[in-house]
């Protein structure tokens, strides 16, 4: 089973279309499902992500071999071209870090992804989002560290 996580409906739309997902109403979150695929839209921010993922995975408990994929946009320093696809190998918030294990060969640029509480007016030294840290924190209760991907 693939478990997709996005913060925004606009980030979810291409996944919904690609996998022909249908809206379900079993939880108080925006959820979609299809054959071997589920998707949740968490809303913006670490706390929203933490609560949504805890509820989502508590209700639709993953099995060994399932994969969680967080897909979304992020702010990034100018050295990253707009539209670059980045794969987070470190998620940092307030001096604490998580390390998703990337145990496969790929051609993506690996990055440290910094979590912030509010949108910043100026770019940071690192790519930045508002949800990935909370997603990892909640999902790590259900998934092994090599079964979660954070693609920005």
Protein backbone atom coordinates (compact mmCIF):
# COMPACT_ATOMS: atom_id res chain seq x y z
CA UNK A 1 0.00 0.00 0.00
CA UNK A 2 1.19 3.51 -0.80
CA UNK A 3 0.27 6.16 1.76
CA UNK A 4 0.62 9.65 0.27
CA UNK A 5 0.67 12.74 2.46
CA UNK A 6 0.32 16.33 1.29
CA UNK A 7 -0.34 19.53 3.18
CA UNK A 8 -2.41 21.18 0.46
CA UNK A 9 -5.14 20.06 -1.92
CA UNK A 10 -3.18 21.54 -4.83
CA UNK A 11 -0.27 19.21 -3.97
CA UNK A 12 -2.66 16.25 -3.82
CA UNK A 13 -4.43 16.85 -7.15
CA UNK A 14 -1.78 15.31 -9.47
CA UNK A 15 -1.60 12.21 -7.24
CA UNK A 16 -5.40 11.93 -7.12
CA UNK A 17 -5.53 12.14 -10.91
CA UNK A 18 -2.60 9.73 -11.52
CA UNK A 19 -3.94 7.01 -9.22
CA UNK A 20 -7.65 7.70 -9.90
CA UNK A 21 -8.33 8.18 -6.18
CA UNK A 22 -11.83 8.69 -4.80
CA UNK A 23 -12.82 10.84 -1.82
CA UNK A 24 -13.76 8.96 1.35
CA UNK A 25 -15.38 10.36 4.48
CA UNK A 26 -14.37 8.00 7.27
CA UNK A 27 -12.27 10.57 9.16
CA UNK A 28 -12.51 14.33 9.78
CA UNK A 29 -9.70 14.94 7.24
CA UNK A 30 -9.59 15.19 3.47
CA UNK A 31 -8.93 11.58 2.43
CA UNK A 32 -8.76 9.73 -0.87
CA UNK A 33 -8.23 6.08 -1.70
CA UNK A 34 -7.81 3.78 -4.64
CA UNK A 35 -6.44 0.35 -5.37
CA UNK A 36 -3.42 -0.04 -3.03
CA UNK A 37 -3.22 3.74 -2.48
CA UNK A 38 -4.42 6.16 0.19
CA UNK A 39 -3.86 9.91 0.44
CA UNK A 40 -4.44 12.44 3.21
CA UNK A 41 -4.33 16.22 3.05
CA UNK A 42 -3.09 17.33 6.48
CA UNK A 43 -3.38 21.09 6.30
CA UNK A 44 -0.52 23.48 6.98
CA UNK A 45 1.84 23.21 9.95
CA UNK A 46 3.61 20.65 12.11
CA UNK A 47 0.77 20.22 14.61
CA UNK A 48 -1.87 19.72 11.90
CA UNK A 49 0.40 17.16 10.23
CA UNK A 50 1.09 15.35 13.52
CA UNK A 51 -2.61 15.07 14.39
CA UNK A 52 -3.74 14.12 10.87
CA UNK A 53 -1.10 11.41 10.45
CA UNK A 54 -1.76 9.96 13.90
CA UNK A 55 -5.48 9.70 13.12
CA UNK A 56 -4.94 8.49 9.55
CA UNK A 57 -2.47 5.71 10.38
CA UNK A 58 -4.34 4.73 13.54
CA UNK A 59 -7.42 4.14 11.40
CA UNK A 60 -5.69 2.67 8.31
CA UNK A 61 -2.83 0.79 9.98
CA UNK A 62 0.04 0.07 7.59
CA UNK A 63 1.58 -3.35 7.12
CA UNK A 64 5.19 -4.38 6.59
CA UNK A 65 6.19 -3.44 3.05
CA UNK A 66 3.88 -0.41 2.86
CA UNK A 67 5.41 2.98 2.00
CA UNK A 68 4.61 6.52 3.16
CA UNK A 69 5.44 9.31 0.70
CA UNK A 70 5.20 12.97 1.67
CA UNK A 71 5.05 15.11 -1.46
CA UNK A 72 4.92 18.88 -1.43
CA UNK A 73 6.46 22.21 -2.13
CA UNK A 74 9.08 23.91 0.00
CA UNK A 75 10.98 27.16 0.14
CA UNK A 76 14.63 26.79 -0.83
CA UNK A 77 17.80 28.83 -1.26
CA UNK A 78 18.47 30.19 -4.75
CA UNK A 79 21.05 27.47 -5.45
CA UNK A 80 18.08 25.13 -6.05
CA UNK A 81 16.25 25.83 -9.30
CA UNK A 82 12.49 26.27 -9.08
CA UNK A 83 10.96 22.88 -9.84
CA UNK A 84 13.94 20.87 -8.58
CA UNK A 85 12.97 17.54 -7.02
CA UNK A 86 14.60 17.12 -3.61
CA UNK A 87 14.70 14.08 -1.33
CA UNK A 88 15.09 14.78 2.40
CA UNK A 89 17.61 12.65 4.29
CA UNK A 90 17.38 14.80 7.43
CA UNK A 91 14.37 16.59 8.94
CA UNK A 92 15.16 19.30 11.48
CA UNK A 93 12.97 21.34 13.83
CA UNK A 94 14.10 23.51 16.74
CA UNK A 95 17.49 21.82 17.00
CA UNK A 96 16.16 18.24 16.86
CA UNK A 97 16.51 15.98 13.85
CA UNK A 98 15.10 12.82 12.31
CA UNK A 99 16.87 10.81 9.62
CA UNK A 100 14.79 8.92 7.06
CA UNK A 101 16.90 6.03 5.74
CA UNK A 102 17.34 6.12 1.98
CA UNK A 103 18.43 2.61 1.12
CA UNK A 104 18.02 2.67 -2.66
CA UNK A 105 19.91 4.18 -5.57
CA UNK A 106 18.42 7.32 -7.08
CA UNK A 107 19.39 10.44 -8.98
CA UNK A 108 17.61 12.97 -6.76
CA UNK A 109 19.36 15.69 -4.79
CA UNK A 110 19.40 14.75 -1.09
CA UNK A 111 18.86 17.59 1.37
CA UNK A 112 18.34 18.51 4.98
CA UNK A 113 14.81 19.88 5.28
CA UNK A 114 14.21 22.46 7.96
CA UNK A 115 10.77 22.75 9.58
CA UNK A 116 9.46 26.20 10.50
CA UNK A 117 6.33 27.29 12.37
CA UNK A 118 5.41 30.21 10.13
CA UNK A 119 6.17 31.14 6.53
CA UNK A 120 9.43 33.08 6.41
CA UNK A 121 9.75 36.40 4.62
CA UNK A 122 13.30 35.55 3.60
CA UNK A 123 14.84 32.29 2.46
CA UNK A 124 16.88 30.25 4.92
CA UNK A 125 20.16 28.46 4.27
CA UNK A 126 18.25 25.18 3.91
CA UNK A 127 15.14 24.06 2.07
CA UNK A 128 12.22 24.69 4.42
CA UNK A 129 8.69 23.41 4.92
CA UNK A 130 6.13 23.35 7.72
CA UNK A 131 4.91 19.72 7.89
CA UNK A 132 7.59 17.08 7.26
CA UNK A 133 8.91 16.95 10.83
CA UNK A 134 5.41 16.38 12.25
CA UNK A 135 4.65 13.78 9.59
CA UNK A 136 7.81 11.84 10.42
CA UNK A 137 7.24 12.13 14.17
CA UNK A 138 3.77 10.57 13.92
CA UNK A 139 4.47 8.11 11.09
CA UNK A 140 7.59 6.69 12.75
CA UNK A 141 5.25 4.89 15.18
CA UNK A 142 3.86 2.95 12.22
CA UNK A 143 6.65 2.80 9.60
CA UNK A 144 10.32 1.80 9.62
CA UNK A 145 12.70 4.67 8.84
CA UNK A 146 13.40 3.28 5.37
CA UNK A 147 9.69 3.14 4.48
CA UNK A 148 9.15 6.92 4.53
CA UNK A 149 10.11 9.32 1.74
CA UNK A 150 9.97 13.10 1.86
CA UNK A 151 9.99 14.54 -1.65
CA UNK A 152 9.92 18.29 -2.12
